[in-house]
């Protein structure tokens, strides 16, 4: 029989784990003017600054 999967990851630094939840991965779609193809730009942004990042 296989071992049961762990659903919760236990970390030694609880403060760092709690702070990690304040960050979000933002994926923007950018269209090339030359070819018309789409590319994707990924960035990690603090959750309070998402709107400012998308307005750029």
PDB file of N, CA and C in Angstrom:
ATOM      1  N   UNK A   1       0.821  -1.187   0.000  1.00  0.00           N
ATOM      2  CA  UNK A   1       0.000   0.000   0.000  1.00  0.00           C
ATOM      3  C   UNK A   1       0.865   1.251   0.000  1.00  0.00           C
ATOM      4  N   UNK A   2       0.393   2.269  -0.686  1.00  0.00           N
ATOM      5  CA  UNK A   2       1.130   3.527  -0.779  1.00  0.00           C
ATOM      6  C   UNK A   2       0.891   4.369   0.468  1.00  0.00           C
ATOM      7  N   UNK A   3       1.846   5.234   0.733  1.00  0.00           N
ATOM      8  CA  UNK A   3       1.706   6.147   1.870  1.00  0.00           C
ATOM      9  C   UNK A   3       0.694   7.233   1.537  1.00  0.00           C
ATOM     10  N   UNK A   4       0.025   7.737   2.534  1.00  0.00           N
ATOM     11  CA  UNK A   4      -0.934   8.826   2.354  1.00  0.00           C
ATOM     12  C   UNK A   4      -0.190  10.135   2.103  1.00  0.00           C
ATOM     13  N   UNK A   5      -0.720  10.951   1.224  1.00  0.00           N
ATOM     14  CA  UNK A   5      -0.098  12.230   0.901  1.00  0.00           C
ATOM     15  C   UNK A   5      -0.321  13.214   2.039  1.00  0.00           C
ATOM     16  N   UNK A   6       0.657  14.008   2.312  1.00  0.00           N
ATOM     17  CA  UNK A   6       0.541  15.049   3.330  1.00  0.00           C
ATOM     18  C   UNK A   6      -0.187  16.244   2.731  1.00  0.00           C
ATOM     19  N   UNK A   7      -1.219  16.712   3.371  1.00  0.00           N
ATOM     20  CA  UNK A   7      -1.978  17.839   2.839  1.00  0.00           C
ATOM     21  C   UNK A   7      -1.434  19.179   3.308  1.00  0.00           C
ATOM     22  N   UNK A   8      -0.757  19.196   4.421  1.00  0.00           N
ATOM     23  CA  UNK A   8      -0.224  20.460   4.941  1.00  0.00           C
ATOM     24  C   UNK A   8       1.291  20.363   5.018  1.00  0.00           C
ATOM     25  N   UNK A   9       1.942  21.374   4.530  1.00  0.00           N
ATOM     26  CA  UNK A   9       3.394  21.446   4.621  1.00  0.00           C
ATOM     27  C   UNK A   9       3.737  22.180   5.905  1.00  0.00           C
ATOM     28  N   UNK A  10       4.535  21.556   6.726  1.00  0.00           N
ATOM     29  CA  UNK A  10       4.929  22.176   7.986  1.00  0.00           C
ATOM     30  C   UNK A  10       6.275  22.857   7.794  1.00  0.00           C
ATOM     31  N   UNK A  11       6.328  24.127   8.162  1.00  0.00           N
ATOM     32  CA  UNK A  11       7.569  24.875   8.048  1.00  0.00           C
ATOM     33  C   UNK A  11       8.071  25.231   9.435  1.00  0.00           C
ATOM     34  N   UNK A  12       9.357  25.451   9.517  1.00  0.00           N
ATOM     35  CA  UNK A  12       9.948  25.852  10.790  1.00  0.00           C
ATOM     36  C   UNK A  12       9.688  27.322  11.072  1.00  0.00           C
ATOM     37  N   UNK A  13       9.577  28.121  10.017  1.00  0.00           N
ATOM     38  CA  UNK A  13       9.379  29.558  10.182  1.00  0.00           C
ATOM     39  C   UNK A  13       7.934  29.908   9.814  1.00  0.00           C
ATOM     40  N   UNK A  14       7.068  29.994  10.793  1.00  0.00           N
ATOM     41  CA  UNK A  14       5.654  30.266  10.554  1.00  0.00           C
ATOM     42  C   UNK A  14       5.419  31.682  10.040  1.00  0.00           C
ATOM     43  N   UNK A  15       6.259  32.641  10.447  1.00  0.00           N
ATOM     44  CA  UNK A  15       6.098  34.023   9.993  1.00  0.00           C
ATOM     45  C   UNK A  15       6.372  34.123   8.494  1.00  0.00           C
ATOM     46  N   UNK A  16       7.398  33.440   8.015  1.00  0.00           N
ATOM     47  CA  UNK A  16       7.711  33.460   6.587  1.00  0.00           C
ATOM     48  C   UNK A  16       6.611  32.779   5.784  1.00  0.00           C
ATOM     49  N   UNK A  17       6.032  31.731   6.321  1.00  0.00           N
ATOM     50  CA  UNK A  17       4.946  31.039   5.627  1.00  0.00           C
ATOM     51  C   UNK A  17       3.715  31.932   5.545  1.00  0.00           C
ATOM     52  N   UNK A  18       3.424  32.684   6.583  1.00  0.00           N
ATOM     53  CA  UNK A  18       2.276  33.589   6.579  1.00  0.00           C
ATOM     54  C   UNK A  18       2.516  34.761   5.634  1.00  0.00           C
ATOM     55  N   UNK A  19       3.755  35.247   5.551  1.00  0.00           N
ATOM     56  CA  UNK A  19       4.083  36.364   4.674  1.00  0.00           C
ATOM     57  C   UNK A  19       4.024  35.943   3.203  1.00  0.00           C
ATOM     58  N   UNK A  20       4.280  34.696   2.925  1.00  0.00           N
ATOM     59  CA  UNK A  20       4.262  34.218   1.543  1.00  0.00           C
ATOM     60  C   UNK A  20       2.861  34.290   0.948  1.00  0.00           C
ATOM     61  N   UNK A  21       1.850  34.273   1.767  1.00  0.00           N
ATOM     62  CA  UNK A  21       0.474  34.340   1.271  1.00  0.00           C
ATOM     63  C   UNK A  21       0.100  35.739   0.791  1.00  0.00           C
ATOM     64  N   UNK A  22       0.945  36.725   1.047  1.00  0.00           N
ATOM     65  CA  UNK A  22       0.670  38.099   0.631  1.00  0.00           C
ATOM     66  C   UNK A  22       1.171  38.388  -0.778  1.00  0.00           C
ATOM     67  N   UNK A  23       1.796  37.435  -1.430  1.00  0.00           N
ATOM     68  CA  UNK A  23       2.353  37.622  -2.757  1.00  0.00           C
ATOM     69  C   UNK A  23       1.529  36.844  -3.779  1.00  0.00           C
ATOM     70  N   UNK A  24       1.411  37.394  -4.994  1.00  0.00           N
ATOM     71  CA  UNK A  24       0.600  36.804  -6.037  1.00  0.00           C
ATOM     72  C   UNK A  24       1.383  36.770  -7.341  1.00  0.00           C
ATOM     73  N   UNK A  25       1.208  35.709  -8.094  1.00  0.00           N
ATOM     74  CA  UNK A  25       1.834  35.606  -9.409  1.00  0.00           C
ATOM     75  C   UNK A  25       0.898  36.254 -10.424  1.00  0.00           C
ATOM     76  N   UNK A  26       1.407  37.249 -11.150  1.00  0.00           N
ATOM     77  CA  UNK A  26       0.623  37.973 -12.144  1.00  0.00           C
ATOM     78  C   UNK A  26       1.150  37.585 -13.522  1.00  0.00           C
ATOM     79  N   UNK A  27       0.247  37.150 -14.390  1.00  0.00           N
ATOM     80  CA  UNK A  27       0.618  36.782 -15.750  1.00  0.00           C
ATOM     81  C   UNK A  27      -0.075  37.744 -16.696  1.00  0.00           C
ATOM     82  N   UNK A  28       0.732  38.481 -17.458  1.00  0.00           N
ATOM     83  CA  UNK A  28       0.188  39.460 -18.397  1.00  0.00           C
ATOM     84  C   UNK A  28       0.360  38.957 -19.818  1.00  0.00           C
ATOM     85  N   UNK A  29      -0.639  39.198 -20.651  1.00  0.00           N
ATOM     86  CA  UNK A  29      -0.580  38.847 -22.060  1.00  0.00           C
ATOM     87  C   UNK A  29      -0.175  40.092 -22.844  1.00  0.00           C
ATOM     88  N   UNK A  30       0.879  39.967 -23.632  1.00  0.00           N
ATOM     89  CA  UNK A  30       1.369  41.099 -24.412  1.00  0.00           C
ATOM     90  C   UNK A  30       1.394  40.683 -25.881  1.00  0.00           C
ATOM     91  N   UNK A  31       0.787  41.489 -26.731  1.00  0.00           N
ATOM     92  CA  UNK A  31       0.735  41.183 -28.160  1.00  0.00           C
ATOM     93  C   UNK A  31       1.847  41.932 -28.886  1.00  0.00           C
ATOM     94  N   UNK A  32       2.568  41.225 -29.710  1.00  0.00           N
ATOM     95  CA  UNK A  32       3.649  41.810 -30.492  1.00  0.00           C
ATOM     96  C   UNK A  32       3.066  42.621 -31.641  1.00  0.00           C
ATOM     97  N   UNK A  33       3.525  43.860 -31.787  1.00  0.00           N
ATOM     98  CA  UNK A  33       3.045  44.715 -32.871  1.00  0.00           C
ATOM     99  C   UNK A  33       3.597  44.240 -34.219  1.00  0.00           C
ATOM    100  N   UNK A  34       4.742  43.618 -34.187  1.00  0.00           N
ATOM    101  CA  UNK A  34       5.407  43.178 -35.416  1.00  0.00           C
ATOM    102  C   UNK A  34       4.759  41.924 -36.011  1.00  0.00           C
ATOM    103  N   UNK A  35       4.545  40.904 -35.190  1.00  0.00           N
ATOM    104  CA  UNK A  35       4.045  39.630 -35.698  1.00  0.00           C
ATOM    105  C   UNK A  35       2.597  39.358 -35.331  1.00  0.00           C
ATOM    106  N   UNK A  36       2.081  40.009 -34.315  1.00  0.00           N
ATOM    107  CA  UNK A  36       0.723  39.755 -33.862  1.00  0.00           C
ATOM    108  C   UNK A  36       0.620  38.578 -32.910  1.00  0.00           C
ATOM    109  N   UNK A  37       1.747  37.963 -32.594  1.00  0.00           N
ATOM    110  CA  UNK A  37       1.758  36.822 -31.682  1.00  0.00           C
ATOM    111  C   UNK A  37       1.679  37.310 -30.238  1.00  0.00           C
ATOM    112  N   UNK A  38       1.153  36.457 -29.389  1.00  0.00           N
ATOM    113  CA  UNK A  38       1.044  36.785 -27.975  1.00  0.00           C
ATOM    114  C   UNK A  38       2.197  36.176 -27.193  1.00  0.00           C
ATOM    115  N   UNK A  39       2.686  36.926 -26.213  1.00  0.00           N
ATOM    116  CA  UNK A  39       3.680  36.419 -25.270  1.00  0.00           C
ATOM    117  C   UNK A  39       3.150  36.663 -23.873  1.00  0.00           C
ATOM    118  N   UNK A  40       3.709  35.959 -22.938  1.00  0.00           N
ATOM    119  CA  UNK A  40       3.258  36.065 -21.558  1.00  0.00           C
ATOM    120  C   UNK A  40       4.404  36.523 -20.672  1.00  0.00           C
ATOM    121  N   UNK A  41       4.148  37.502 -19.831  1.00  0.00           N
ATOM    122  CA  UNK A  41       5.122  38.009 -18.871  1.00  0.00           C
ATOM    123  C   UNK A  41       4.631  37.665 -17.477  1.00  0.00           C
ATOM    124  N   UNK A  42       5.467  36.971 -16.730  1.00  0.00           N
ATOM    125  CA  UNK A  42       5.116  36.576 -15.374  1.00  0.00           C
ATOM    126  C   UNK A  42       5.910  37.396 -14.375  1.00  0.00           C
ATOM    127  N   UNK A  43       5.266  37.768 -13.285  1.00  0.00           N
ATOM    128  CA  UNK A  43       5.957  38.484 -12.218  1.00  0.00           C
ATOM    129  C   UNK A  43       5.265  38.189 -10.892  1.00  0.00           C
ATOM    130  N   UNK A  44       6.030  38.291  -9.822  1.00  0.00           N
ATOM    131  CA  UNK A  44       5.513  38.098  -8.478  1.00  0.00           C
ATOM    132  C   UNK A  44       5.328  39.481  -7.864  1.00  0.00           C
ATOM    133  N   UNK A  45       4.094  39.781  -7.442  1.00  0.00           N
ATOM    134  CA  UNK A  45       3.746  41.120  -6.963  1.00  0.00           C
ATOM    135  C   UNK A  45       3.043  40.991  -5.614  1.00  0.00           C
ATOM    136  N   UNK A  46       3.287  41.952  -4.731  1.00  0.00           N
ATOM    137  CA  UNK A  46       2.584  41.988  -3.449  1.00  0.00           C
ATOM    138  C   UNK A  46       1.108  42.247  -3.723  1.00  0.00           C
ATOM    139  N   UNK A  47       0.233  41.611  -2.953  1.00  0.00           N
ATOM    140  CA  UNK A  47      -1.205  41.683  -3.232  1.00  0.00           C
ATOM    141  C   UNK A  47      -1.776  43.095  -3.139  1.00  0.00           C
ATOM    142  N   UNK A  48      -1.119  43.981  -2.403  1.00  0.00           N
ATOM    143  CA  UNK A  48      -1.603  45.357  -2.295  1.00  0.00           C
ATOM    144  C   UNK A  48      -1.236  46.200  -3.516  1.00  0.00           C
ATOM    145  N   UNK A  49      -0.304  45.743  -4.343  1.00  0.00           N
ATOM    146  CA  UNK A  49       0.191  46.536  -5.467  1.00  0.00           C
ATOM    147  C   UNK A  49      -0.170  45.941  -6.827  1.00  0.00           C
ATOM    148  N   UNK A  50      -1.139  45.048  -6.872  1.00  0.00           N
ATOM    149  CA  UNK A  50      -1.505  44.385  -8.127  1.00  0.00           C
ATOM    150  C   UNK A  50      -2.089  45.384  -9.118  1.00  0.00           C
ATOM    151  N   UNK A  51      -3.011  46.217  -8.676  1.00  0.00           N
ATOM    152  CA  UNK A  51      -3.656  47.171  -9.586  1.00  0.00           C
ATOM    153  C   UNK A  51      -2.660  48.154 -10.160  1.00  0.00           C
ATOM    154  N   UNK A  52      -1.716  48.616  -9.370  1.00  0.00           N
ATOM    155  CA  UNK A  52      -0.695  49.543  -9.865  1.00  0.00           C
ATOM    156  C   UNK A  52       0.200  48.860 -10.889  1.00  0.00           C
ATOM    157  N   UNK A  53       0.486  47.588 -10.649  1.00  0.00           N
ATOM    158  CA  UNK A  53       1.327  46.828 -11.580  1.00  0.00           C
ATOM    159  C   UNK A  53       0.623  46.620 -12.917  1.00  0.00           C
ATOM    160  N   UNK A  54      -0.669  46.329 -12.884  1.00  0.00           N
ATOM    161  CA  UNK A  54      -1.413  46.115 -14.112  1.00  0.00           C
ATOM    162  C   UNK A  54      -1.657  47.417 -14.887  1.00  0.00           C
ATOM    163  N   UNK A  55      -1.633  48.536 -14.204  1.00  0.00           N
ATOM    164  CA  UNK A  55      -1.856  49.830 -14.868  1.00  0.00           C
ATOM    165  C   UNK A  55      -0.641  50.292 -15.671  1.00  0.00           C
ATOM    166  N   UNK A  56       0.497  49.680 -15.457  1.00  0.00           N
ATOM    167  CA  UNK A  56       1.721  50.088 -16.173  1.00  0.00           C
ATOM    168  C   UNK A  56       1.600  49.822 -17.653  1.00  0.00           C
TER     169      UNK A  56
END
